Full PDB file with SEQRES, HELIX, SHEET, SSBOND, CRYST1, ORIGX, SCALE, CONECT and MASTER records, all heavy atoms in Angstrom:
SEQRES   1 A   37  ARG MET PRO GLN ARG TRP LEU ALA LEU PRO HIS GLY HIS          
SEQRES   2 A   37  GLY ALA ALA GLN LEU VAL CYS ASP PHE ASP ASP LEU PRO          
SEQRES   3 A   37  PHE GLU SER ASN SER LEU ASP LEU LEU VAL LEU                  
SHEET    1 AA1 2 ALA A   8  LEU A   9  0                                        
SHEET    2 AA1 2 LEU A  18  VAL A  19  1                                        
CRYST1    1.000    1.000    1.000  90.00  90.00  90.00 P 1           1          
ORIGX1      1.000000  0.000000  0.000000        0.00000                         
ORIGX2      0.000000  1.000000  0.000000        0.00000                         
ORIGX3      0.000000  0.000000  1.000000        0.00000                         
SCALE1      1.000000  0.000000  0.000000        0.00000                         
SCALE2      0.000000  1.000000  0.000000        0.00000                         
SCALE3      0.000000  0.000000  1.000000        0.00000                         
ATOM      1  N   ARG A   1       0.808  -1.224   0.000  1.00  0.00           N  
ATOM      2  CA  ARG A   1       0.000   0.000   0.000  1.00  0.00           C  
ATOM      3  C   ARG A   1       0.843   1.278   0.000  1.00  0.00           C  
ATOM      4  O   ARG A   1       0.338   2.347   0.327  1.00  0.00           O  
ATOM      5  CB  ARG A   1      -0.923  -0.010   1.212  1.00  0.00           C  
ATOM      6  CG  ARG A   1      -2.045  -1.032   1.117  1.00  0.00           C  
ATOM      7  CD  ARG A   1      -2.760  -1.208   2.428  1.00  0.00           C  
ATOM      8  NE  ARG A   1      -1.957  -1.985   3.369  1.00  0.00           N  
ATOM      9  CZ  ARG A   1      -2.351  -2.268   4.612  1.00  0.00           C  
ATOM     10  NH1 ARG A   1      -3.502  -1.811   5.062  1.00  0.00           N  
ATOM     11  NH2 ARG A   1      -1.577  -2.985   5.407  1.00  0.00           N  
ATOM     12  N   MET A   2       2.108   1.183  -0.349  1.00  0.00           N  
ATOM     13  CA  MET A   2       2.922   2.388  -0.404  1.00  0.00           C  
ATOM     14  C   MET A   2       2.447   3.299  -1.539  1.00  0.00           C  
ATOM     15  O   MET A   2       1.999   2.827  -2.588  1.00  0.00           O  
ATOM     16  CB  MET A   2       4.394   2.029  -0.612  1.00  0.00           C  
ATOM     17  CG  MET A   2       5.028   1.308   0.559  1.00  0.00           C  
ATOM     18  SD  MET A   2       6.808   1.139   0.375  1.00  0.00           S  
ATOM     19  CE  MET A   2       7.136  -0.146   1.601  1.00  0.00           C  
ATOM     20  N   PRO A   3       2.555   4.622  -1.354  1.00  0.00           N  
ATOM     21  CA  PRO A   3       2.066   5.545  -2.390  1.00  0.00           C  
ATOM     22  C   PRO A   3       2.877   5.520  -3.682  1.00  0.00           C  
ATOM     23  O   PRO A   3       2.351   5.810  -4.749  1.00  0.00           O  
ATOM     24  CB  PRO A   3       2.155   6.919  -1.709  1.00  0.00           C  
ATOM     25  CG  PRO A   3       3.162   6.751  -0.629  1.00  0.00           C  
ATOM     26  CD  PRO A   3       3.015   5.338  -0.156  1.00  0.00           C  
ATOM     27  N   GLN A   4       4.154   5.184  -3.598  1.00  0.00           N  
ATOM     28  CA  GLN A   4       5.016   5.138  -4.787  1.00  0.00           C  
ATOM     29  C   GLN A   4       5.520   3.713  -4.985  1.00  0.00           C  
ATOM     30  O   GLN A   4       6.313   3.205  -4.192  1.00  0.00           O  
ATOM     31  CB  GLN A   4       6.208   6.099  -4.622  1.00  0.00           C  
ATOM     32  CG  GLN A   4       5.828   7.557  -4.448  1.00  0.00           C  
ATOM     33  CD  GLN A   4       5.223   8.155  -5.716  1.00  0.00           C  
ATOM     34  OE1 GLN A   4       5.462   7.662  -6.813  1.00  0.00           O  
ATOM     35  NE2 GLN A   4       4.453   9.216  -5.566  1.00  0.00           N  
ATOM     36  N   ARG A   5       5.036   3.047  -6.047  1.00  0.00           N  
ATOM     37  CA  ARG A   5       5.445   1.667  -6.357  1.00  0.00           C  
ATOM     38  C   ARG A   5       5.786   1.592  -7.839  1.00  0.00           C  
ATOM     39  O   ARG A   5       4.987   2.009  -8.676  1.00  0.00           O  
ATOM     40  CB  ARG A   5       4.307   0.695  -6.036  1.00  0.00           C  
ATOM     41  CG  ARG A   5       4.035   0.536  -4.548  1.00  0.00           C  
ATOM     42  CD  ARG A   5       2.756  -0.224  -4.300  1.00  0.00           C  
ATOM     43  NE  ARG A   5       1.586   0.549  -4.714  1.00  0.00           N  
ATOM     44  CZ  ARG A   5       0.364   0.053  -4.817  1.00  0.00           C  
ATOM     45  NH1 ARG A   5       0.123  -1.219  -4.583  1.00  0.00           N  
ATOM     46  NH2 ARG A   5      -0.640   0.830  -5.191  1.00  0.00           N  
ATOM     47  N   TRP A   6       6.977   1.080  -8.142  1.00  0.00           N  
ATOM     48  CA  TRP A   6       7.444   1.066  -9.520  1.00  0.00           C  
ATOM     49  C   TRP A   6       7.902  -0.333  -9.926  1.00  0.00           C  
ATOM     50  O   TRP A   6       8.486  -1.075  -9.139  1.00  0.00           O  
ATOM     51  CB  TRP A   6       8.623   2.030  -9.698  1.00  0.00           C  
ATOM     52  CG  TRP A   6       8.337   3.437  -9.306  1.00  0.00           C  
ATOM     53  CD1 TRP A   6       7.415   4.283  -9.851  1.00  0.00           C  
ATOM     54  CD2 TRP A   6       8.987   4.188  -8.271  1.00  0.00           C  
ATOM     55  NE1 TRP A   6       7.456   5.505  -9.236  1.00  0.00           N  
ATOM     56  CE2 TRP A   6       8.408   5.473  -8.257  1.00  0.00           C  
ATOM     57  CE3 TRP A   6      10.004   3.903  -7.359  1.00  0.00           C  
ATOM     58  CZ2 TRP A   6       8.800   6.465  -7.367  1.00  0.00           C  
ATOM     59  CZ3 TRP A   6      10.400   4.884  -6.463  1.00  0.00           C  
ATOM     60  CH2 TRP A   6       9.799   6.145  -6.475  1.00  0.00           C  
ATOM     61  N   LEU A   7       7.665  -0.652 -11.180  1.00  0.00           N  
ATOM     62  CA  LEU A   7       8.254  -1.827 -11.822  1.00  0.00           C  
ATOM     63  C   LEU A   7       9.350  -1.326 -12.751  1.00  0.00           C  
ATOM     64  O   LEU A   7       9.085  -0.545 -13.667  1.00  0.00           O  
ATOM     65  CB  LEU A   7       7.209  -2.609 -12.614  1.00  0.00           C  
ATOM     66  CG  LEU A   7       7.765  -3.683 -13.561  1.00  0.00           C  
ATOM     67  CD1 LEU A   7       8.452  -4.795 -12.763  1.00  0.00           C  
ATOM     68  CD2 LEU A   7       6.656  -4.253 -14.444  1.00  0.00           C  
ATOM     69  N   ALA A   8      10.572  -1.755 -12.519  1.00  0.00           N  
ATOM     70  CA  ALA A   8      11.710  -1.352 -13.350  1.00  0.00           C  
ATOM     71  C   ALA A   8      12.151  -2.521 -14.222  1.00  0.00           C  
ATOM     72  O   ALA A   8      12.210  -3.665 -13.769  1.00  0.00           O  
ATOM     73  CB  ALA A   8      12.874  -0.880 -12.478  1.00  0.00           C  
ATOM     74  N   LEU A   9      12.451  -2.218 -15.477  1.00  0.00           N  
ATOM     75  CA  LEU A   9      12.973  -3.202 -16.412  1.00  0.00           C  
ATOM     76  C   LEU A   9      14.235  -2.636 -17.053  1.00  0.00           C  
ATOM     77  O   LEU A   9      14.395  -1.415 -17.142  1.00  0.00           O  
ATOM     78  CB  LEU A   9      11.938  -3.535 -17.487  1.00  0.00           C  
ATOM     79  CG  LEU A   9      10.645  -4.212 -17.008  1.00  0.00           C  
ATOM     80  CD1 LEU A   9       9.669  -4.372 -18.164  1.00  0.00           C  
ATOM     81  CD2 LEU A   9      10.935  -5.544 -16.350  1.00  0.00           C  
ATOM     82  N   PRO A  10      15.138  -3.492 -17.510  1.00  0.00           N  
ATOM     83  CA  PRO A  10      16.381  -2.995 -18.103  1.00  0.00           C  
ATOM     84  C   PRO A  10      16.232  -2.559 -19.550  1.00  0.00           C  
ATOM     85  O   PRO A  10      17.203  -2.189 -20.190  1.00  0.00           O  
ATOM     86  CB  PRO A  10      17.323  -4.199 -17.994  1.00  0.00           C  
ATOM     87  CG  PRO A  10      16.416  -5.379 -18.064  1.00  0.00           C  
ATOM     88  CD  PRO A  10      15.142  -4.957 -17.375  1.00  0.00           C  
ATOM     89  N   HIS A  11      15.009  -2.585 -20.085  1.00  0.00           N  
ATOM     90  CA  HIS A  11      14.771  -2.246 -21.486  1.00  0.00           C  
ATOM     91  C   HIS A  11      13.324  -1.815 -21.626  1.00  0.00           C  
ATOM     92  O   HIS A  11      12.489  -2.080 -20.748  1.00  0.00           O  
ATOM     93  CB  HIS A  11      15.046  -3.454 -22.388  1.00  0.00           C  
ATOM     94  CG  HIS A  11      14.722  -4.748 -21.725  1.00  0.00           C  
ATOM     95  ND1 HIS A  11      13.439  -5.093 -21.363  1.00  0.00           N  
ATOM     96  CD2 HIS A  11      15.525  -5.754 -21.310  1.00  0.00           C  
ATOM     97  CE1 HIS A  11      13.463  -6.273 -20.760  1.00  0.00           C  
ATOM     98  NE2 HIS A  11      14.699  -6.694 -20.707  1.00  0.00           N  
ATOM     99  N   GLY A  12      12.994  -1.131 -22.713  1.00  0.00           N  
ATOM    100  CA  GLY A  12      11.636  -0.676 -22.926  1.00  0.00           C  
ATOM    101  C   GLY A  12      10.671  -1.831 -23.065  1.00  0.00           C  
ATOM    102  O   GLY A  12      10.909  -2.775 -23.814  1.00  0.00           O  
ATOM    103  N   HIS A  13       9.570  -1.802 -22.331  1.00  0.00           N  
ATOM    104  CA  HIS A  13       8.569  -2.851 -22.374  1.00  0.00           C  
ATOM    105  C   HIS A  13       7.258  -2.232 -21.921  1.00  0.00           C  
ATOM    106  O   HIS A  13       7.251  -1.297 -21.116  1.00  0.00           O  
ATOM    107  CB  HIS A  13       8.970  -4.013 -21.467  1.00  0.00           C  
ATOM    108  CG  HIS A  13       8.090  -5.220 -21.604  1.00  0.00           C  
ATOM    109  ND1 HIS A  13       6.993  -5.430 -20.816  1.00  0.00           N  
ATOM    110  CD2 HIS A  13       8.144  -6.271 -22.455  1.00  0.00           C  
ATOM    111  CE1 HIS A  13       6.408  -6.576 -21.163  1.00  0.00           C  
ATOM    112  NE2 HIS A  13       7.087  -7.096 -22.149  1.00  0.00           N  
ATOM    113  N   GLY A  14       6.154  -2.754 -22.416  1.00  0.00           N  
ATOM    114  CA  GLY A  14       4.870  -2.143 -22.136  1.00  0.00           C  
ATOM    115  C   GLY A  14       4.549  -2.012 -20.660  1.00  0.00           C  
ATOM    116  O   GLY A  14       3.877  -1.072 -20.242  1.00  0.00           O  
ATOM    117  N   ALA A  15       5.010  -2.965 -19.832  1.00  0.00           N  
ATOM    118  CA  ALA A  15       4.666  -2.941 -18.414  1.00  0.00           C  
ATOM    119  C   ALA A  15       5.604  -2.069 -17.591  1.00  0.00           C  
ATOM    120  O   ALA A  15       5.318  -1.795 -16.423  1.00  0.00           O  
ATOM    121  CB  ALA A  15       4.692  -4.373 -17.869  1.00  0.00           C  
ATOM    122  N   ALA A  16       6.708  -1.635 -18.157  1.00  0.00           N  
ATOM    123  CA  ALA A  16       7.719  -0.912 -17.392  1.00  0.00           C  
ATOM    124  C   ALA A  16       7.247   0.477 -17.000  1.00  0.00           C  
ATOM    125  O   ALA A  16       6.676   1.205 -17.807  1.00  0.00           O  
ATOM    126  CB  ALA A  16       9.016  -0.818 -18.186  1.00  0.00           C  
ATOM    127  N   GLN A  17       7.496   0.856 -15.750  1.00  0.00           N  
ATOM    128  CA  GLN A  17       7.280   2.223 -15.291  1.00  0.00           C  
ATOM    129  C   GLN A  17       8.606   2.971 -15.186  1.00  0.00           C  
ATOM    130  O   GLN A  17       8.624   4.187 -15.073  1.00  0.00           O  
ATOM    131  CB  GLN A  17       6.583   2.183 -13.934  1.00  0.00           C  
ATOM    132  CG  GLN A  17       5.182   1.579 -14.009  1.00  0.00           C  
ATOM    133  CD  GLN A  17       4.668   1.164 -12.654  1.00  0.00           C  
ATOM    134  OE1 GLN A  17       5.319   0.438 -11.914  1.00  0.00           O  
ATOM    135  NE2 GLN A  17       3.472   1.618 -12.318  1.00  0.00           N  
ATOM    136  N   LEU A  18       9.680   2.215 -15.203  1.00  0.00           N  
ATOM    137  CA  LEU A  18      11.019   2.796 -15.135  1.00  0.00           C  
ATOM    138  C   LEU A  18      11.968   1.892 -15.911  1.00  0.00           C  
ATOM    139  O   LEU A  18      11.922   0.672 -15.772  1.00  0.00           O  
ATOM    140  CB  LEU A  18      11.477   2.912 -13.678  1.00  0.00           C  
ATOM    141  CG  LEU A  18      12.917   3.361 -13.419  1.00  0.00           C  
ATOM    142  CD1 LEU A  18      13.103   4.807 -13.867  1.00  0.00           C  
ATOM    143  CD2 LEU A  18      13.270   3.206 -11.951  1.00  0.00           C  
ATOM    144  N   VAL A  19      12.786   2.488 -16.758  1.00  0.00           N  
ATOM    145  CA  VAL A  19      13.822   1.741 -17.486  1.00  0.00           C  
ATOM    146  C   VAL A  19      15.169   2.174 -16.939  1.00  0.00           C  
ATOM    147  O   VAL A  19      15.483   3.366 -16.916  1.00  0.00           O  
ATOM    148  CB  VAL A  19      13.749   2.018 -19.004  1.00  0.00           C  
ATOM    149  CG1 VAL A  19      14.882   1.315 -19.733  1.00  0.00           C  
ATOM    150  CG2 VAL A  19      12.402   1.565 -19.556  1.00  0.00           C  
ATOM    151  N   CYS A  20      15.961   1.216 -16.471  1.00  0.00           N  
ATOM    152  CA  CYS A  20      17.235   1.583 -15.860  1.00  0.00           C  
ATOM    153  C   CYS A  20      18.185   0.399 -15.871  1.00  0.00           C  
ATOM    154  O   CYS A  20      17.808  -0.740 -16.157  1.00  0.00           O  
ATOM    155  CB  CYS A  20      17.030   2.073 -14.421  1.00  0.00           C  
ATOM    156  SG  CYS A  20      16.441   0.795 -13.286  1.00  0.00           S  
ATOM    157  N   ASP A  21      19.431   0.688 -15.548  1.00  0.00           N  
ATOM    158  CA  ASP A  21      20.468  -0.320 -15.399  1.00  0.00           C  
ATOM    159  C   ASP A  21      20.383  -0.874 -13.986  1.00  0.00           C  
ATOM    160  O   ASP A  21      20.531  -0.134 -13.009  1.00  0.00           O  
ATOM    161  CB  ASP A  21      21.835   0.329 -15.655  1.00  0.00           C  
ATOM    162  CG  ASP A  21      22.987  -0.668 -15.572  1.00  0.00           C  
ATOM    163  OD1 ASP A  21      22.755  -1.829 -15.176  1.00  0.00           O  
ATOM    164  OD2 ASP A  21      24.119  -0.276 -15.896  1.00  0.00           O  
ATOM    165  N   PHE A  22      20.156  -2.166 -13.848  1.00  0.00           N  
ATOM    166  CA  PHE A  22      20.004  -2.763 -12.521  1.00  0.00           C  
ATOM    167  C   PHE A  22      21.291  -2.712 -11.712  1.00  0.00           C  
ATOM    168  O   PHE A  22      21.264  -2.875 -10.489  1.00  0.00           O  
ATOM    169  CB  PHE A  22      19.533  -4.216 -12.644  1.00  0.00           C  
ATOM    170  CG  PHE A  22      18.111  -4.368 -13.114  1.00  0.00           C  
ATOM    171  CD1 PHE A  22      17.570  -5.629 -13.309  1.00  0.00           C  
ATOM    172  CD2 PHE A  22      17.321  -3.261 -13.363  1.00  0.00           C  
ATOM    173  CE1 PHE A  22      16.256  -5.778 -13.745  1.00  0.00           C  
ATOM    174  CE2 PHE A  22      16.007  -3.391 -13.805  1.00  0.00           C  
ATOM    175  CZ  PHE A  22      15.478  -4.660 -13.995  1.00  0.00           C  
ATOM    176  N   ASP A  23      22.424  -2.528 -12.372  1.00  0.00           N  
ATOM    177  CA  ASP A  23      23.705  -2.446 -11.668  1.00  0.00           C  
ATOM    178  C   ASP A  23      24.083  -1.018 -11.313  1.00  0.00           C  
ATOM    179  O   ASP A  23      25.126  -0.778 -10.704  1.00  0.00           O  
ATOM    180  CB  ASP A  23      24.815  -3.070 -12.524  1.00  0.00           C  
ATOM    181  CG  ASP A  23      24.590  -4.557 -12.753  1.00  0.00           C  
ATOM    182  OD1 ASP A  23      24.189  -5.239 -11.790  1.00  0.00           O  
ATOM    183  OD2 ASP A  23      24.804  -5.027 -13.885  1.00  0.00           O  
ATOM    184  N   ASP A  24      23.239  -0.066 -11.687  1.00  0.00           N  
ATOM    185  CA  ASP A  24      23.466   1.346 -11.366  1.00  0.00           C  
ATOM    186  C   ASP A  24      22.097   2.001 -11.238  1.00  0.00           C  
ATOM    187  O   ASP A  24      21.665   2.742 -12.108  1.00  0.00           O  
ATOM    188  CB  ASP A  24      24.307   2.017 -12.458  1.00  0.00           C  
ATOM    189  CG  ASP A  24      24.660   3.451 -12.108  1.00  0.00           C  
ATOM    190  OD1 ASP A  24      24.604   3.809 -10.913  1.00  0.00           O  
ATOM    191  OD2 ASP A  24      24.967   4.228 -13.034  1.00  0.00           O  
ATOM    192  N   LEU A  25      21.429   1.732 -10.134  1.00  0.00           N  
ATOM    193  CA  LEU A  25      20.041   2.157  -9.969  1.00  0.00           C  
ATOM    194  C   LEU A  25      19.935   3.680  -9.865  1.00  0.00           C  
ATOM    195  O   LEU A  25      20.746   4.318  -9.191  1.00  0.00           O  
ATOM    196  CB  LEU A  25      19.442   1.519  -8.709  1.00  0.00           C  
ATOM    197  CG  LEU A  25      19.325  -0.012  -8.754  1.00  0.00           C  
ATOM    198  CD1 LEU A  25      18.856  -0.547  -7.410  1.00  0.00           C  
ATOM    199  CD2 LEU A  25      18.365  -0.445  -9.858  1.00  0.00           C  
ATOM    200  N   PRO A  26      18.940   4.274 -10.537  1.00  0.00           N  
ATOM    201  CA  PRO A  26      18.797   5.730 -10.552  1.00  0.00           C  
ATOM    202  C   PRO A  26      18.090   6.262  -9.312  1.00  0.00           C  
ATOM    203  O   PRO A  26      17.131   7.042  -9.404  1.00  0.00           O  
ATOM    204  CB  PRO A  26      17.967   5.964 -11.820  1.00  0.00           C  
ATOM    205  CG  PRO A  26      17.095   4.771 -11.897  1.00  0.00           C  
ATOM    206  CD  PRO A  26      17.949   3.619 -11.417  1.00  0.00           C  
ATOM    207  N   PHE A  27      18.526   5.841  -8.140  1.00  0.00           N  
ATOM    208  CA  PHE A  27      17.969   6.301  -6.881  1.00  0.00           C  
ATOM    209  C   PHE A  27      19.103   6.706  -5.946  1.00  0.00           C  
ATOM    210  O   PHE A  27      20.191   6.115  -5.978  1.00  0.00           O  
ATOM    211  CB  PHE A  27      17.125   5.199  -6.215  1.00  0.00           C  
ATOM    212  CG  PHE A  27      15.873   4.852  -6.954  1.00  0.00           C  
ATOM    213  CD1 PHE A  27      15.881   3.858  -7.929  1.00  0.00           C  
ATOM    214  CD2 PHE A  27      14.684   5.506  -6.696  1.00  0.00           C  
ATOM    215  CE1 PHE A  27      14.731   3.530  -8.620  1.00  0.00           C  
ATOM    216  CE2 PHE A  27      13.526   5.188  -7.380  1.00  0.00           C  
ATOM    217  CZ  PHE A  27      13.545   4.206  -8.348  1.00  0.00           C  
ATOM    218  N   GLU A  28      18.821   7.682  -5.114  1.00  0.00           N  
ATOM    219  CA  GLU A  28      19.797   8.092  -4.108  1.00  0.00           C  
ATOM    220  C   GLU A  28      19.991   6.979  -3.082  1.00  0.00           C  
ATOM    221  O   GLU A  28      19.115   6.134  -2.887  1.00  0.00           O  
ATOM    222  CB  GLU A  28      19.327   9.375  -3.412  1.00  0.00           C  
ATOM    223  CG  GLU A  28      19.253  10.588  -4.329  1.00  0.00           C  
ATOM    224  CD  GLU A  28      20.615  10.976  -4.875  1.00  0.00           C  
ATOM    225  OE1 GLU A  28      21.582  11.015  -4.077  1.00  0.00           O  
ATOM    226  OE2 GLU A  28      20.726  11.232  -6.075  1.00  0.00           O  
ATOM    227  N   SER A  29      21.123   6.987  -2.430  1.00  0.00           N  
ATOM    228  CA  SER A  29      21.371   6.025  -1.359  1.00  0.00           C  
ATOM    229  C   SER A  29      20.345   6.216  -0.242  1.00  0.00           C  
ATOM    230  O   SER A  29      19.902   7.339   0.024  1.00  0.00           O  
ATOM    231  CB  SER A  29      22.789   6.198  -0.806  1.00  0.00           C  
ATOM    232  OG  SER A  29      23.752   5.971  -1.814  1.00  0.00           O  
ATOM    233  N   ASN A  30      19.963   5.116   0.388  1.00  0.00           N  
ATOM    234  CA  ASN A  30      19.033   5.145   1.528  1.00  0.00           C  
ATOM    235  C   ASN A  30      17.703   5.819   1.172  1.00  0.00           C  
ATOM    236  O   ASN A  30      17.203   6.668   1.900  1.00  0.00           O  
ATOM    237  CB  ASN A  30      19.667   5.880   2.720  1.00  0.00           C  
ATOM    238  CG  ASN A  30      21.006   5.299   3.108  1.00  0.00           C  
ATOM    239  OD1 ASN A  30      21.156   4.090   3.212  1.00  0.00           O  
ATOM    240  ND2 ASN A  30      21.989   6.154   3.299  1.00  0.00           N  
ATOM    241  N   SER A  31      17.127   5.431   0.038  1.00  0.00           N  
ATOM    242  CA  SER A  31      15.914   6.111  -0.427  1.00  0.00           C  
ATOM    243  C   SER A  31      14.702   5.206  -0.602  1.00  0.00           C  
ATOM    244  O   SER A  31      13.589   5.709  -0.727  1.00  0.00           O  
ATOM    245  CB  SER A  31      16.189   6.824  -1.756  1.00  0.00           C  
ATOM    246  OG  SER A  31      16.575   5.892  -2.752  1.00  0.00           O  
ATOM    247  N   LEU A  32      14.871   3.891  -0.610  1.00  0.00           N  
ATOM    248  CA  LEU A  32      13.747   2.985  -0.852  1.00  0.00           C  
ATOM    249  C   LEU A  32      13.393   2.208   0.418  1.00  0.00           C  
ATOM    250  O   LEU A  32      14.269   1.804   1.175  1.00  0.00           O  
ATOM    251  CB  LEU A  32      14.079   1.994  -1.970  1.00  0.00           C  
ATOM    252  CG  LEU A  32      14.355   2.588  -3.360  1.00  0.00           C  
ATOM    253  CD1 LEU A  32      14.671   1.473  -4.350  1.00  0.00           C  
ATOM    254  CD2 LEU A  32      13.179   3.414  -3.846  1.00  0.00           C  
ATOM    255  N   ASP A  33      12.106   1.996   0.613  1.00  0.00           N  
ATOM    256  CA  ASP A  33      11.631   1.250   1.781  1.00  0.00           C  
ATOM    257  C   ASP A  33      11.495  -0.243   1.497  1.00  0.00           C  
ATOM    258  O   ASP A  33      11.575  -1.057   2.415  1.00  0.00           O  
ATOM    259  CB  ASP A  33      10.274   1.797   2.229  1.00  0.00           C  
ATOM    260  CG  ASP A  33      10.343   3.262   2.601  1.00  0.00           C  
ATOM    261  OD1 ASP A  33      10.876   3.574   3.671  1.00  0.00           O  
ATOM    262  OD2 ASP A  33       9.875   4.096   1.792  1.00  0.00           O  
ATOM    263  N   LEU A  34      11.259  -0.601   0.239  1.00  0.00           N  
ATOM    264  CA  LEU A  34      11.046  -2.002  -0.134  1.00  0.00           C  
ATOM    265  C   LEU A  34      11.616  -2.238  -1.519  1.00  0.00           C  
ATOM    266  O   LEU A  34      11.359  -1.457  -2.440  1.00  0.00           O  
ATOM    267  CB  LEU A  34       9.548  -2.327  -0.114  1.00  0.00           C  
ATOM    268  CG  LEU A  34       9.113  -3.680  -0.684  1.00  0.00           C  
ATOM    269  CD1 LEU A  34       9.741  -4.827   0.098  1.00  0.00           C  
ATOM    270  CD2 LEU A  34       7.589  -3.788  -0.690  1.00  0.00           C  
ATOM    271  N   LEU A  35      12.375  -3.324  -1.655  1.00  0.00           N  
ATOM    272  CA  LEU A  35      12.962  -3.687  -2.938  1.00  0.00           C  
ATOM    273  C   LEU A  35      12.742  -5.177  -3.167  1.00  0.00           C  
ATOM    274  O   LEU A  35      13.092  -6.007  -2.323  1.00  0.00           O  
ATOM    275  CB  LEU A  35      14.461  -3.371  -2.943  1.00  0.00           C  
ATOM    276  CG  LEU A  35      15.225  -3.536  -4.253  1.00  0.00           C  
ATOM    277  CD1 LEU A  35      14.603  -2.709  -5.362  1.00  0.00           C  
ATOM    278  CD2 LEU A  35      16.683  -3.160  -4.068  1.00  0.00           C  
ATOM    279  N   VAL A  36      12.128  -5.506  -4.314  1.00  0.00           N  
ATOM    280  CA  VAL A  36      11.823  -6.894  -4.661  1.00  0.00           C  
ATOM    281  C   VAL A  36      12.688  -7.306  -5.841  1.00  0.00           C  
ATOM    282  O   VAL A  36      12.685  -6.641  -6.889  1.00  0.00           O  
ATOM    283  CB  VAL A  36      10.322  -7.055  -5.008  1.00  0.00           C  
ATOM    284  CG1 VAL A  36      10.036  -8.484  -5.454  1.00  0.00           C  
ATOM    285  CG2 VAL A  36       9.464  -6.693  -3.798  1.00  0.00           C  
ATOM    286  N   LEU A  37      13.423  -8.398  -5.681  1.00  0.00           N  
ATOM    287  CA  LEU A  37      14.310  -8.915  -6.731  1.00  0.00           C  
ATOM    288  C   LEU A  37      13.836 -10.306  -7.151  1.00  0.00           C  
ATOM    289  O   LEU A  37      14.286 -11.316  -6.609  1.00  0.00           O  
ATOM    290  CB  LEU A  37      15.760  -8.991  -6.234  1.00  0.00           C  
ATOM    291  CG  LEU A  37      16.385  -7.724  -5.646  1.00  0.00           C  
ATOM    292  CD1 LEU A  37      17.841  -7.986  -5.257  1.00  0.00           C  
ATOM    293  CD2 LEU A  37      16.308  -6.571  -6.629  1.00  0.00           C  
TER     294      LEU A  37                                                      
MASTER        0    0    0    0    2    0    0    6  293    1    0    3          
END                                                                             
């Protein structure tokens, strides 16, 4: 029930809300409450 929930993929895809490199995540350190791998 968190207000901000994203699905990230390493390439463009219809379901993706964020496209990024999984080895260099575009988030600041200490910024996420939950991470699912």
